[in-house]
Every structure is written in C-alpha cells, then in structure tokens.
Amino acid sequence: MPIVRFPDADATEWRERMSDASPTVLFKHSPACGLSAIAMEEVKAFSADNPDVSVQVVDVLGQRSLSNAIEAVLGIRHESPQTIVFRDGQPLWHGSHRKVTKVMLEKAIA
C-alpha cells in the first residue's frame, strides 16, 4: 500500500482513516527538517516491506490545522517527525525524532 498524503481540506477525515481494524501508521512530517527527511526514508522502507499496512502522511507545515486537530483529539503532544500507530481507531504506540524507524514501526504493529 503506498504512502498517502491527507487531503488539504479535510481536518476530520483522519479519524475515519485511522479506524481500520488492521494497523495504520500516521506520519507527521516536516518537509523543512533534515531529521524528518531521514524519518521519511525509514517510513518508506517500512511501507515497502509492509505493503498491507496503510501509511498516512500529514505535512505539519502545509497542514497545520490538521496537525493541531490530531494533537487536540488524541492528547499526544505534537512533535515532528512523529509516527502514531493505530488499530481500531485507537493509538497503540507513538514515537518521535529518532524513534521513527522501520524497526520501531515493525515492533509497534506486531
């Protein structure tokens, strides 16, 4: 399953996309951050090796209101890069900065 960017206009659709019974990864990415670029490569590697897992990307600069809405609803403090793993609409795991790795994501969905 390819990595998908959230639509710009819909700040509520993310809950629906995270409600799948199988694991779903939400990746909060800052295109202006070098560490986030490294994390994006880890997320891409994870996605390539786990094609059955949906990976959804939020551009925290271009989609600030969506990023803020996710933080407000979940109560998980915004950081970027940041991944949040969901199952059945509930966050199972989240990590930021250097914890955004292929290995950590694979452990989180196991």
PDB file of N, CA and C in Angstrom:
ATOM      1  N   MET A   1       0.859  -1.177   0.000  1.00  0.00           N
ATOM      2  CA  MET A   1       0.000   0.000   0.000  1.00  0.00           C
ATOM      3  C   MET A   1       0.900   1.234   0.000  1.00  0.00           C
ATOM      4  N   PRO A   2       0.668   2.155  -0.897  1.00  0.00           N
ATOM      5  CA  PRO A   2       1.540   3.328  -0.969  1.00  0.00           C
ATOM      6  C   PRO A   2       1.314   4.289   0.200  1.00  0.00           C
ATOM      7  N   ILE A   3       2.299   5.124   0.430  1.00  0.00           N
ATOM      8  CA  ILE A   3       2.177   6.185   1.424  1.00  0.00           C
ATOM      9  C   ILE A   3       1.244   7.241   0.839  1.00  0.00           C
ATOM     10  N   VAL A   4       0.251   7.664   1.613  1.00  0.00           N
ATOM     11  CA  VAL A   4      -0.773   8.586   1.135  1.00  0.00           C
ATOM     12  C   VAL A   4      -0.751   9.868   1.957  1.00  0.00           C
ATOM     13  N   ARG A   5      -0.809  10.999   1.280  1.00  0.00           N
ATOM     14  CA  ARG A   5      -0.887  12.296   1.958  1.00  0.00           C
ATOM     15  C   ARG A   5      -2.351  12.638   2.181  1.00  0.00           C
ATOM     16  N   PHE A   6      -2.660  13.118   3.371  1.00  0.00           N
ATOM     17  CA  PHE A   6      -4.031  13.535   3.670  1.00  0.00           C
ATOM     18  C   PHE A   6      -4.447  14.675   2.756  1.00  0.00           C
ATOM     19  N   PRO A   7      -5.727  14.716   2.382  1.00  0.00           N
ATOM     20  CA  PRO A   7      -6.219  15.871   1.616  1.00  0.00           C
ATOM     21  C   PRO A   7      -6.086  17.142   2.452  1.00  0.00           C
ATOM     22  N   ASP A   8      -5.802  18.242   1.798  1.00  0.00           N
ATOM     23  CA  ASP A   8      -5.622  19.514   2.492  1.00  0.00           C
ATOM     24  C   ASP A   8      -6.890  20.015   3.162  1.00  0.00           C
ATOM     25  N   ALA A   9      -8.029  19.758   2.566  1.00  0.00           N
ATOM     26  CA  ALA A   9      -9.262  20.414   3.001  1.00  0.00           C
ATOM     27  C   ALA A   9      -9.934  19.757   4.200  1.00  0.00           C
ATOM     28  N   ASP A  10      -9.624  18.516   4.486  1.00  0.00           N
ATOM     29  CA  ASP A  10     -10.421  17.793   5.479  1.00  0.00           C
ATOM     30  C   ASP A  10      -9.643  17.510   6.757  1.00  0.00           C
ATOM     31  N   ALA A  11      -9.959  18.243   7.811  1.00  0.00           N
ATOM     32  CA  ALA A  11      -9.279  18.066   9.096  1.00  0.00           C
ATOM     33  C   ALA A  11      -9.985  17.039   9.984  1.00  0.00           C
ATOM     34  N   THR A  12     -11.049  16.392   9.486  1.00  0.00           N
ATOM     35  CA  THR A  12     -11.742  15.376  10.276  1.00  0.00           C
ATOM     36  C   THR A  12     -11.595  13.981   9.679  1.00  0.00           C
ATOM     37  N   GLU A  13     -11.247  13.904   8.427  1.00  0.00           N
ATOM     38  CA  GLU A  13     -11.143  12.617   7.743  1.00  0.00           C
ATOM     39  C   GLU A  13     -10.104  11.699   8.384  1.00  0.00           C
ATOM     40  N   TRP A  14      -9.127  12.253   9.055  1.00  0.00           N
ATOM     41  CA  TRP A  14      -8.059  11.433   9.624  1.00  0.00           C
ATOM     42  C   TRP A  14      -8.597  10.380  10.585  1.00  0.00           C
ATOM     43  N   ARG A  15      -9.642  10.711  11.370  1.00  0.00           N
ATOM     44  CA  ARG A  15     -10.208   9.724  12.312  1.00  0.00           C
ATOM     45  C   ARG A  15     -10.773   8.526  11.566  1.00  0.00           C
ATOM     46  N   GLU A  16     -11.451   8.789  10.468  1.00  0.00           N
ATOM     47  CA  GLU A  16     -12.010   7.706   9.668  1.00  0.00           C
ATOM     48  C   GLU A  16     -10.896   6.834   9.090  1.00  0.00           C
ATOM     49  N   ARG A  17      -9.856   7.457   8.613  1.00  0.00           N
ATOM     50  CA  ARG A  17      -8.741   6.697   8.037  1.00  0.00           C
ATOM     51  C   ARG A  17      -8.004   5.866   9.076  1.00  0.00           C
ATOM     52  N   MET A  18      -8.054   6.264  10.333  1.00  0.00           N
ATOM     53  CA  MET A  18      -7.355   5.537  11.394  1.00  0.00           C
ATOM     54  C   MET A  18      -8.227   4.441  12.023  1.00  0.00           C
ATOM     55  N   SER A  19      -9.461   4.307  11.592  1.00  0.00           N
ATOM     56  CA  SER A  19     -10.401   3.395  12.262  1.00  0.00           C
ATOM     57  C   SER A  19     -10.331   1.961  11.763  1.00  0.00           C
ATOM     58  N   ASP A  20      -9.450   1.663  10.853  1.00  0.00           N
ATOM     59  CA  ASP A  20      -9.326   0.321  10.305  1.00  0.00           C
ATOM     60  C   ASP A  20      -8.948  -0.678  11.402  1.00  0.00           C
ATOM     61  N   ALA A  21      -9.423  -1.906  11.262  1.00  0.00           N
ATOM     62  CA  ALA A  21      -9.103  -2.954  12.242  1.00  0.00           C
ATOM     63  C   ALA A  21      -7.632  -3.362  12.160  1.00  0.00           C
ATOM     64  N   SER A  22      -7.047  -3.249  10.992  1.00  0.00           N
ATOM     65  CA  SER A  22      -5.622  -3.560  10.866  1.00  0.00           C
ATOM     66  C   SER A  22      -4.804  -2.309  11.197  1.00  0.00           C
ATOM     67  N   PRO A  23      -3.540  -2.494  11.520  1.00  0.00           N
ATOM     68  CA  PRO A  23      -2.730  -1.331  11.905  1.00  0.00           C
ATOM     69  C   PRO A  23      -2.645  -0.279  10.793  1.00  0.00           C
ATOM     70  N   THR A  24      -2.626   0.962  11.204  1.00  0.00           N
ATOM     71  CA  THR A  24      -2.461   2.104  10.312  1.00  0.00           C
ATOM     72  C   THR A  24      -1.423   3.026  10.936  1.00  0.00           C
ATOM     73  N   VAL A  25      -0.533   3.550  10.119  1.00  0.00           N
ATOM     74  CA  VAL A  25       0.520   4.442  10.596  1.00  0.00           C
ATOM     75  C   VAL A  25       0.218   5.865  10.134  1.00  0.00           C
ATOM     76  N   LEU A  26       0.250   6.784  11.068  1.00  0.00           N
ATOM     77  CA  LEU A  26       0.140   8.206  10.771  1.00  0.00           C
ATOM     78  C   LEU A  26       1.527   8.806  10.966  1.00  0.00           C
ATOM     79  N   PHE A  27       2.046   9.439   9.926  1.00  0.00           N
ATOM     80  CA  PHE A  27       3.380  10.033   9.979  1.00  0.00           C
ATOM     81  C   PHE A  27       3.244  11.540   9.849  1.00  0.00           C
ATOM     82  N   LYS A  28       3.651  12.253  10.895  1.00  0.00           N
ATOM     83  CA  LYS A  28       3.657  13.719  10.893  1.00  0.00           C
ATOM     84  C   LYS A  28       5.054  14.163  10.463  1.00  0.00           C
ATOM     85  N   HIS A  29       5.103  14.772   9.275  1.00  0.00           N
ATOM     86  CA  HIS A  29       6.355  15.071   8.598  1.00  0.00           C
ATOM     87  C   HIS A  29       6.514  16.569   8.367  1.00  0.00           C
ATOM     88  N   SER A  30       7.715  17.067   8.633  1.00  0.00           N
ATOM     89  CA  SER A  30       8.045  18.455   8.320  1.00  0.00           C
ATOM     90  C   SER A  30       9.025  18.470   7.152  1.00  0.00           C
ATOM     91  N   PRO A  31       8.585  18.962   5.981  1.00  0.00           N
ATOM     92  CA  PRO A  31       9.479  18.976   4.832  1.00  0.00           C
ATOM     93  C   PRO A  31      10.672  19.926   4.984  1.00  0.00           C
ATOM     94  N   ALA A  32      10.686  20.737   6.022  1.00  0.00           N
ATOM     95  CA  ALA A  32      11.789  21.674   6.246  1.00  0.00           C
ATOM     96  C   ALA A  32      12.825  21.147   7.232  1.00  0.00           C
ATOM     97  N   CYS A  33      12.655  19.924   7.697  1.00  0.00           N
ATOM     98  CA  CYS A  33      13.511  19.377   8.758  1.00  0.00           C
ATOM     99  C   CYS A  33      14.350  18.214   8.228  1.00  0.00           C
ATOM    100  N   GLY A  34      15.658  18.289   8.428  1.00  0.00           N
ATOM    101  CA  GLY A  34      16.550  17.226   7.994  1.00  0.00           C
ATOM    102  C   GLY A  34      16.271  15.899   8.679  1.00  0.00           C
ATOM    103  N   LEU A  35      15.999  15.936   9.976  1.00  0.00           N
ATOM    104  CA  LEU A  35      15.687  14.711  10.708  1.00  0.00           C
ATOM    105  C   LEU A  35      14.388  14.092  10.195  1.00  0.00           C
ATOM    106  N   SER A  36      13.444  14.936   9.836  1.00  0.00           N
ATOM    107  CA  SER A  36      12.185  14.441   9.292  1.00  0.00           C
ATOM    108  C   SER A  36      12.403  13.779   7.926  1.00  0.00           C
ATOM    109  N   ALA A  37      13.341  14.293   7.146  1.00  0.00           N
ATOM    110  CA  ALA A  37      13.669  13.675   5.856  1.00  0.00           C
ATOM    111  C   ALA A  37      14.252  12.271   6.066  1.00  0.00           C
ATOM    112  N   ILE A  38      15.095  12.129   7.075  1.00  0.00           N
ATOM    113  CA  ILE A  38      15.653  10.817   7.410  1.00  0.00           C
ATOM    114  C   ILE A  38      14.527   9.877   7.859  1.00  0.00           C
ATOM    115  N   ALA A  39      13.627  10.386   8.700  1.00  0.00           N
ATOM    116  CA  ALA A  39      12.498   9.590   9.168  1.00  0.00           C
ATOM    117  C   ALA A  39      11.609   9.172   7.998  1.00  0.00           C
ATOM    118  N   MET A  40      11.425  10.055   7.018  1.00  0.00           N
ATOM    119  CA  MET A  40      10.622   9.715   5.838  1.00  0.00           C
ATOM    120  C   MET A  40      11.206   8.512   5.114  1.00  0.00           C
ATOM    121  N   GLU A  41      12.529   8.440   5.028  1.00  0.00           N
ATOM    122  CA  GLU A  41      13.173   7.280   4.391  1.00  0.00           C
ATOM    123  C   GLU A  41      12.896   6.003   5.187  1.00  0.00           C
ATOM    124  N   GLU A  42      12.899   6.100   6.507  1.00  0.00           N
ATOM    125  CA  GLU A  42      12.570   4.946   7.353  1.00  0.00           C
ATOM    126  C   GLU A  42      11.117   4.512   7.147  1.00  0.00           C
ATOM    127  N   VAL A  43      10.222   5.483   7.061  1.00  0.00           N
ATOM    128  CA  VAL A  43       8.805   5.189   6.839  1.00  0.00           C
ATOM    129  C   VAL A  43       8.613   4.552   5.459  1.00  0.00           C
ATOM    130  N   LYS A  44       9.306   5.051   4.460  1.00  0.00           N
ATOM    131  CA  LYS A  44       9.229   4.458   3.116  1.00  0.00           C
ATOM    132  C   LYS A  44       9.733   3.025   3.122  1.00  0.00           C
ATOM    133  N   ALA A  45      10.830   2.767   3.839  1.00  0.00           N
ATOM    134  CA  ALA A  45      11.365   1.405   3.936  1.00  0.00           C
ATOM    135  C   ALA A  45      10.374   0.491   4.648  1.00  0.00           C
ATOM    136  N   PHE A  46       9.766   1.012   5.717  1.00  0.00           N
ATOM    137  CA  PHE A  46       8.736   0.244   6.423  1.00  0.00           C
ATOM    138  C   PHE A  46       7.584  -0.078   5.483  1.00  0.00           C
ATOM    139  N   SER A  47       7.113   0.916   4.753  1.00  0.00           N
ATOM    140  CA  SER A  47       5.984   0.739   3.846  1.00  0.00           C
ATOM    141  C   SER A  47       6.308  -0.280   2.750  1.00  0.00           C
ATOM    142  N   ALA A  48       7.521  -0.228   2.221  1.00  0.00           N
ATOM    143  CA  ALA A  48       7.924  -1.163   1.168  1.00  0.00           C
ATOM    144  C   ALA A  48       7.916  -2.604   1.670  1.00  0.00           C
ATOM    145  N   ASP A  49       8.330  -2.808   2.914  1.00  0.00           N
ATOM    146  CA  ASP A  49       8.384  -4.158   3.484  1.00  0.00           C
ATOM    147  C   ASP A  49       7.074  -4.587   4.133  1.00  0.00           C
ATOM    148  N   ASN A  50       6.135  -3.668   4.289  1.00  0.00           N
ATOM    149  CA  ASN A  50       4.840  -3.961   4.926  1.00  0.00           C
ATOM    150  C   ASN A  50       3.720  -3.352   4.074  1.00  0.00           C
ATOM    151  N   PRO A  51       3.571  -3.829   2.837  1.00  0.00           N
ATOM    152  CA  PRO A  51       2.635  -3.206   1.904  1.00  0.00           C
ATOM    153  C   PRO A  51       1.172  -3.308   2.325  1.00  0.00           C
ATOM    154  N   ASP A  52       0.865  -4.168   3.272  1.00  0.00           N
ATOM    155  CA  ASP A  52      -0.516  -4.315   3.740  1.00  0.00           C
ATOM    156  C   ASP A  52      -0.882  -3.287   4.811  1.00  0.00           C
ATOM    157  N   VAL A  53       0.089  -2.515   5.285  1.00  0.00           N
ATOM    158  CA  VAL A  53      -0.157  -1.509   6.322  1.00  0.00           C
ATOM    159  C   VAL A  53      -0.330  -0.138   5.667  1.00  0.00           C
ATOM    160  N   SER A  54      -1.434   0.510   5.967  1.00  0.00           N
ATOM    161  CA  SER A  54      -1.700   1.846   5.456  1.00  0.00           C
ATOM    162  C   SER A  54      -0.802   2.860   6.165  1.00  0.00           C
ATOM    163  N   VAL A  55      -0.143   3.715   5.386  1.00  0.00           N
ATOM    164  CA  VAL A  55       0.682   4.790   5.928  1.00  0.00           C
ATOM    165  C   VAL A  55       0.119   6.109   5.411  1.00  0.00           C
ATOM    166  N   GLN A  56      -0.272   6.977   6.324  1.00  0.00           N
ATOM    167  CA  GLN A  56      -0.867   8.264   6.007  1.00  0.00           C
ATOM    168  C   GLN A  56       0.071   9.362   6.493  1.00  0.00           C
ATOM    169  N   VAL A  57       0.311  10.375   5.654  1.00  0.00           N
ATOM    170  CA  VAL A  57       1.257  11.442   5.974  1.00  0.00           C
ATOM    171  C   VAL A  57       0.537  12.772   6.149  1.00  0.00           C
ATOM    172  N   VAL A  58       0.922  13.477   7.203  1.00  0.00           N
ATOM    173  CA  VAL A  58       0.470  14.850   7.422  1.00  0.00           C
ATOM    174  C   VAL A  58       1.692  15.748   7.312  1.00  0.00           C
ATOM    175  N   ASP A  59       1.620  16.721   6.413  1.00  0.00           N
ATOM    176  CA  ASP A  59       2.668  17.725   6.262  1.00  0.00           C
ATOM    177  C   ASP A  59       2.392  18.787   7.332  1.00  0.00           C
ATOM    178  N   VAL A  60       3.199  18.798   8.391  1.00  0.00           N
ATOM    179  CA  VAL A  60       2.904  19.667   9.541  1.00  0.00           C
ATOM    180  C   VAL A  60       3.053  21.156   9.228  1.00  0.00           C
ATOM    181  N   LEU A  61       3.725  21.494   8.150  1.00  0.00           N
ATOM    182  CA  LEU A  61       3.825  22.901   7.753  1.00  0.00           C
ATOM    183  C   LEU A  61       2.637  23.304   6.881  1.00  0.00           C
ATOM    184  N   GLY A  62       2.346  22.504   5.894  1.00  0.00           N
ATOM    185  CA  GLY A  62       1.257  22.815   4.977  1.00  0.00           C
ATOM    186  C   GLY A  62      -0.114  22.464   5.505  1.00  0.00           C
ATOM    187  N   GLN A  63      -0.168  21.609   6.512  1.00  0.00           N
ATOM    188  CA  GLN A  63      -1.449  21.151   7.072  1.00  0.00           C
ATOM    189  C   GLN A  63      -1.469  21.376   8.585  1.00  0.00           C
ATOM    190  N   ARG A  64      -1.114  22.561   8.977  1.00  0.00           N
ATOM    191  CA  ARG A  64      -1.002  22.905  10.400  1.00  0.00           C
ATOM    192  C   ARG A  64      -2.301  22.654  11.161  1.00  0.00           C
ATOM    193  N   SER A  65      -3.453  23.039  10.596  1.00  0.00           N
ATOM    194  CA  SER A  65      -4.718  22.863  11.312  1.00  0.00           C
ATOM    195  C   SER A  65      -5.031  21.381  11.510  1.00  0.00           C
ATOM    196  N   LEU A  66      -4.722  20.549  10.537  1.00  0.00           N
ATOM    197  CA  LEU A  66      -4.919  19.109  10.681  1.00  0.00           C
ATOM    198  C   LEU A  66      -4.003  18.557  11.765  1.00  0.00           C
ATOM    199  N   SER A  67      -2.747  18.946  11.740  1.00  0.00           N
ATOM    200  CA  SER A  67      -1.792  18.503  12.743  1.00  0.00           C
ATOM    201  C   SER A  67      -2.250  18.907  14.149  1.00  0.00           C
ATOM    202  N   ASN A  68      -2.725  20.132  14.291  1.00  0.00           N
ATOM    203  CA  ASN A  68      -3.217  20.616  15.588  1.00  0.00           C
ATOM    204  C   ASN A  68      -4.468  19.856  16.030  1.00  0.00           C
ATOM    205  N   ALA A  69      -5.356  19.548  15.088  1.00  0.00           N
ATOM    206  CA  ALA A  69      -6.575  18.801  15.424  1.00  0.00           C
ATOM    207  C   ALA A  69      -6.235  17.404  15.943  1.00  0.00           C
ATOM    208  N   ILE A  70      -5.266  16.762  15.319  1.00  0.00           N
ATOM    209  CA  ILE A  70      -4.847  15.424  15.756  1.00  0.00           C
ATOM    210  C   ILE A  70      -4.295  15.491  17.177  1.00  0.00           C
ATOM    211  N   GLU A  71      -3.465  16.475  17.439  1.00  0.00           N
ATOM    212  CA  GLU A  71      -2.909  16.647  18.790  1.00  0.00           C
ATOM    213  C   GLU A  71      -4.017  16.879  19.809  1.00  0.00           C
ATOM    214  N   ALA A  72      -4.968  17.740  19.479  1.00  0.00           N
ATOM    215  CA  ALA A  72      -6.046  18.084  20.419  1.00  0.00           C
ATOM    216  C   ALA A  72      -6.926  16.879  20.729  1.00  0.00           C
ATOM    217  N   VAL A  73      -7.266  16.102  19.718  1.00  0.00           N
ATOM    218  CA  VAL A  73      -8.153  14.959  19.927  1.00  0.00           C
ATOM    219  C   VAL A  73      -7.450  13.839  20.682  1.00  0.00           C
ATOM    220  N   LEU A  74      -6.224  13.555  20.315  1.00  0.00           N
ATOM    221  CA  LEU A  74      -5.521  12.422  20.922  1.00  0.00           C
ATOM    222  C   LEU A  74      -4.864  12.752  22.249  1.00  0.00           C
ATOM    223  N   GLY A  75      -4.529  14.018  22.439  1.00  0.00           N
ATOM    224  CA  GLY A  75      -3.781  14.379  23.641  1.00  0.00           C
ATOM    225  C   GLY A  75      -2.333  13.939  23.570  1.00  0.00           C
ATOM    226  N   ILE A  76      -1.865  13.644  22.364  1.00  0.00           N
ATOM    227  CA  ILE A  76      -0.465  13.281  22.156  1.00  0.00           C
ATOM    228  C   ILE A  76       0.233  14.524  21.635  1.00  0.00           C
ATOM    229  N   ARG A  77       1.157  15.033  22.416  1.00  0.00           N
ATOM    230  CA  ARG A  77       1.846  16.277  22.077  1.00  0.00           C
ATOM    231  C   ARG A  77       2.492  16.180  20.704  1.00  0.00           C
ATOM    232  N   HIS A  78       2.286  17.215  19.913  1.00  0.00           N
ATOM    233  CA  HIS A  78       2.855  17.254  18.561  1.00  0.00           C
ATOM    234  C   HIS A  78       4.371  17.326  18.607  1.00  0.00           C
ATOM    235  N   GLU A  79       4.984  16.495  17.793  1.00  0.00           N
ATOM    236  CA  GLU A  79       6.406  16.560  17.528  1.00  0.00           C
ATOM    237  C   GLU A  79       6.576  16.169  16.068  1.00  0.00           C
ATOM    238  N   SER A  80       7.645  16.570  15.479  1.00  0.00           N
ATOM    239  CA  SER A  80       7.916  16.075  14.134  1.00  0.00           C
ATOM    240  C   SER A  80       9.427  15.903  13.985  1.00  0.00           C
ATOM    241  N   PRO A  81       9.783  14.821  13.357  1.00  0.00           N
ATOM    242  CA  PRO A  81       8.915  13.792  12.828  1.00  0.00           C
ATOM    243  C   PRO A  81       8.266  12.990  13.947  1.00  0.00           C
ATOM    244  N   GLN A  82       7.098  12.455  13.650  1.00  0.00           N
ATOM    245  CA  GLN A  82       6.360  11.682  14.650  1.00  0.00           C
ATOM    246  C   GLN A  82       5.513  10.638  13.930  1.00  0.00           C
ATOM    247  N   THR A  83       5.457   9.443  14.496  1.00  0.00           N
ATOM    248  CA  THR A  83       4.555   8.416  13.990  1.00  0.00           C
ATOM    249  C   THR A  83       3.632   7.993  15.113  1.00  0.00           C
ATOM    250  N   ILE A  84       2.396   7.719  14.731  1.00  0.00           N
ATOM    251  CA  ILE A  84       1.399   7.190  15.655  1.00  0.00           C
ATOM    252  C   ILE A  84       0.803   5.971  14.966  1.00  0.00           C
ATOM    253  N   VAL A  85       0.834   4.838  15.645  1.00  0.00           N
ATOM    254  CA  VAL A  85       0.277   3.602  15.097  1.00  0.00           C
ATOM    255  C   VAL A  85      -1.098   3.386  15.705  1.00  0.00           C
ATOM    256  N   PHE A  86      -2.079   3.168  14.845  1.00  0.00           N
ATOM    257  CA  PHE A  86      -3.470   2.964  15.262  1.00  0.00           C
ATOM    258  C   PHE A  86      -3.935   1.557  14.915  1.00  0.00           C
ATOM    259  N   ARG A  87      -4.873   1.083  15.690  1.00  0.00           N
ATOM    260  CA  ARG A  87      -5.652  -0.120  15.356  1.00  0.00           C
ATOM    261  C   ARG A  87      -7.042   0.122  15.917  1.00  0.00           C
ATOM    262  N   ASP A  88      -8.048  -0.123  15.105  1.00  0.00           N
ATOM    263  CA  ASP A  88      -9.448   0.099  15.502  1.00  0.00           C
ATOM    264  C   ASP A  88      -9.681   1.518  16.007  1.00  0.00           C
ATOM    265  N   GLY A  89      -9.001   2.477  15.423  1.00  0.00           N
ATOM    266  CA  GLY A  89      -9.195   3.872  15.782  1.00  0.00           C
ATOM    267  C   GLY A  89      -8.492   4.322  17.046  1.00  0.00           C
ATOM    268  N   GLN A  90      -7.769   3.423  17.687  1.00  0.00           N
ATOM    269  CA  GLN A  90      -7.086   3.748  18.943  1.00  0.00           C
ATOM    270  C   GLN A  90      -5.573   3.787  18.733  1.00  0.00           C
ATOM    271  N   PRO A  91      -4.908   4.792  19.284  1.00  0.00           N
ATOM    272  CA  PRO A  91      -3.446   4.816  19.171  1.00  0.00           C
ATOM    273  C   PRO A  91      -2.827   3.721  20.034  1.00  0.00           C
ATOM    274  N   LEU A  92      -1.950   2.929  19.420  1.00  0.00           N
ATOM    275  CA  LEU A  92      -1.264   1.844  20.130  1.00  0.00           C
ATOM    276  C   LEU A  92       0.123   2.252  20.583  1.00  0.00           C
ATOM    277  N   TRP A  93       0.759   3.083  19.779  1.00  0.00           N
ATOM    278  CA  TRP A  93       2.152   3.453  20.013  1.00  0.00           C
ATOM    279  C   TRP A  93       2.426   4.762  19.307  1.00  0.00           C
ATOM    280  N   HIS A  94       3.304   5.558  19.860  1.00  0.00           N
ATOM    281  CA  HIS A  94       3.772   6.736  19.145  1.00  0.00           C
ATOM    282  C   HIS A  94       5.229   6.987  19.510  1.00  0.00           C
ATOM    283  N   GLY A  95       5.937   7.512  18.546  1.00  0.00           N
ATOM    284  CA  GLY A  95       7.339   7.833  18.743  1.00  0.00           C
ATOM    285  C   GLY A  95       7.713   9.011  17.869  1.00  0.00           C
ATOM    286  N   SER A  96       8.734   9.698  18.291  1.00  0.00           N
ATOM    287  CA  SER A  96       9.156  10.866  17.521  1.00  0.00           C
ATOM    288  C   SER A  96      10.671  10.877  17.373  1.00  0.00           C
ATOM    289  N   HIS A  97      11.097  11.762  16.514  1.00  0.00           N
ATOM    290  CA  HIS A  97      12.503  12.009  16.235  1.00  0.00           C
ATOM    291  C   HIS A  97      13.227  10.721  15.859  1.00  0.00           C
ATOM    292  N   ARG A  98      14.192  10.304  16.612  1.00  0.00           N
ATOM    293  CA  ARG A  98      14.997   9.132  16.244  1.00  0.00           C
ATOM    294  C   ARG A  98      14.289   7.803  16.510  1.00  0.00           C
ATOM    295  N   LYS A  99      13.116   7.834  17.105  1.00  0.00           N
ATOM    296  CA  LYS A  99      12.328   6.610  17.289  1.00  0.00           C
ATOM    297  C   LYS A  99      11.490   6.285  16.054  1.00  0.00           C
ATOM    298  N   VAL A 100      11.505   7.171  15.069  1.00  0.00           N
ATOM    299  CA  VAL A 100      10.771   6.922  13.828  1.00  0.00           C
ATOM    300  C   VAL A 100      11.693   6.112  12.921  1.00  0.00           C
ATOM    301  N   THR A 101      11.640   4.794  13.126  1.00  0.00           N
ATOM    302  CA  THR A 101      12.463   3.886  12.333  1.00  0.00           C
ATOM    303  C   THR A 101      11.611   2.719  11.846  1.00  0.00           C
ATOM    304  N   LYS A 102      12.093   2.086  10.810  1.00  0.00           N
ATOM    305  CA  LYS A 102      11.432   0.905  10.265  1.00  0.00           C
ATOM    306  C   LYS A 102      11.276  -0.160  11.350  1.00  0.00           C
ATOM    307  N   VAL A 103      12.343  -0.394  12.102  1.00  0.00           N
ATOM    308  CA  VAL A 103      12.330  -1.430  13.148  1.00  0.00           C
ATOM    309  C   VAL A 103      11.292  -1.105  14.227  1.00  0.00           C
ATOM    310  N   MET A 104      11.260   0.136  14.682  1.00  0.00           N
ATOM    311  CA  MET A 104      10.288   0.508  15.723  1.00  0.00           C
ATOM    312  C   MET A 104       8.861   0.381  15.215  1.00  0.00           C
ATOM    313  N   LEU A 105       8.615   0.758  13.972  1.00  0.00           N
ATOM    314  CA  LEU A 105       7.277   0.618  13.407  1.00  0.00           C
ATOM    315  C   LEU A 105       6.883  -0.844  13.287  1.00  0.00           C
ATOM    316  N   GLU A 106       7.805  -1.683  12.887  1.00  0.00           N
ATOM    317  CA  GLU A 106       7.502  -3.122  12.783  1.00  0.00           C
ATOM    318  C   GLU A 106       7.208  -3.717  14.161  1.00  0.00           C
ATOM    319  N   LYS A 107       7.927  -3.295  15.173  1.00  0.00           N
ATOM    320  CA  LYS A 107       7.634  -3.758  16.534  1.00  0.00           C
ATOM    321  C   LYS A 107       6.249  -3.279  16.977  1.00  0.00           C
ATOM    322  N   ALA A 108       5.910  -2.056  16.616  1.00  0.00           N
ATOM    323  CA  ALA A 108       4.626  -1.458  17.046  1.00  0.00           C
ATOM    324  C   ALA A 108       3.432  -2.175  16.424  1.00  0.00           C
ATOM    325  N   ILE A 109       3.576  -2.683  15.201  1.00  0.00           N
ATOM    326  CA  ILE A 109       2.439  -3.353  14.574  1.00  0.00           C
ATOM    327  C   ILE A 109       2.371  -4.848  14.896  1.00  0.00           C
ATOM    328  N   ALA A 110       3.448  -5.378  15.495  1.00  0.00           N
ATOM    329  CA  ALA A 110       3.496  -6.820  15.804  1.00  0.00           C
ATOM    330  C   ALA A 110       2.499  -7.217  16.871  1.00  0.00           C
TER     331      ALA A 110
END
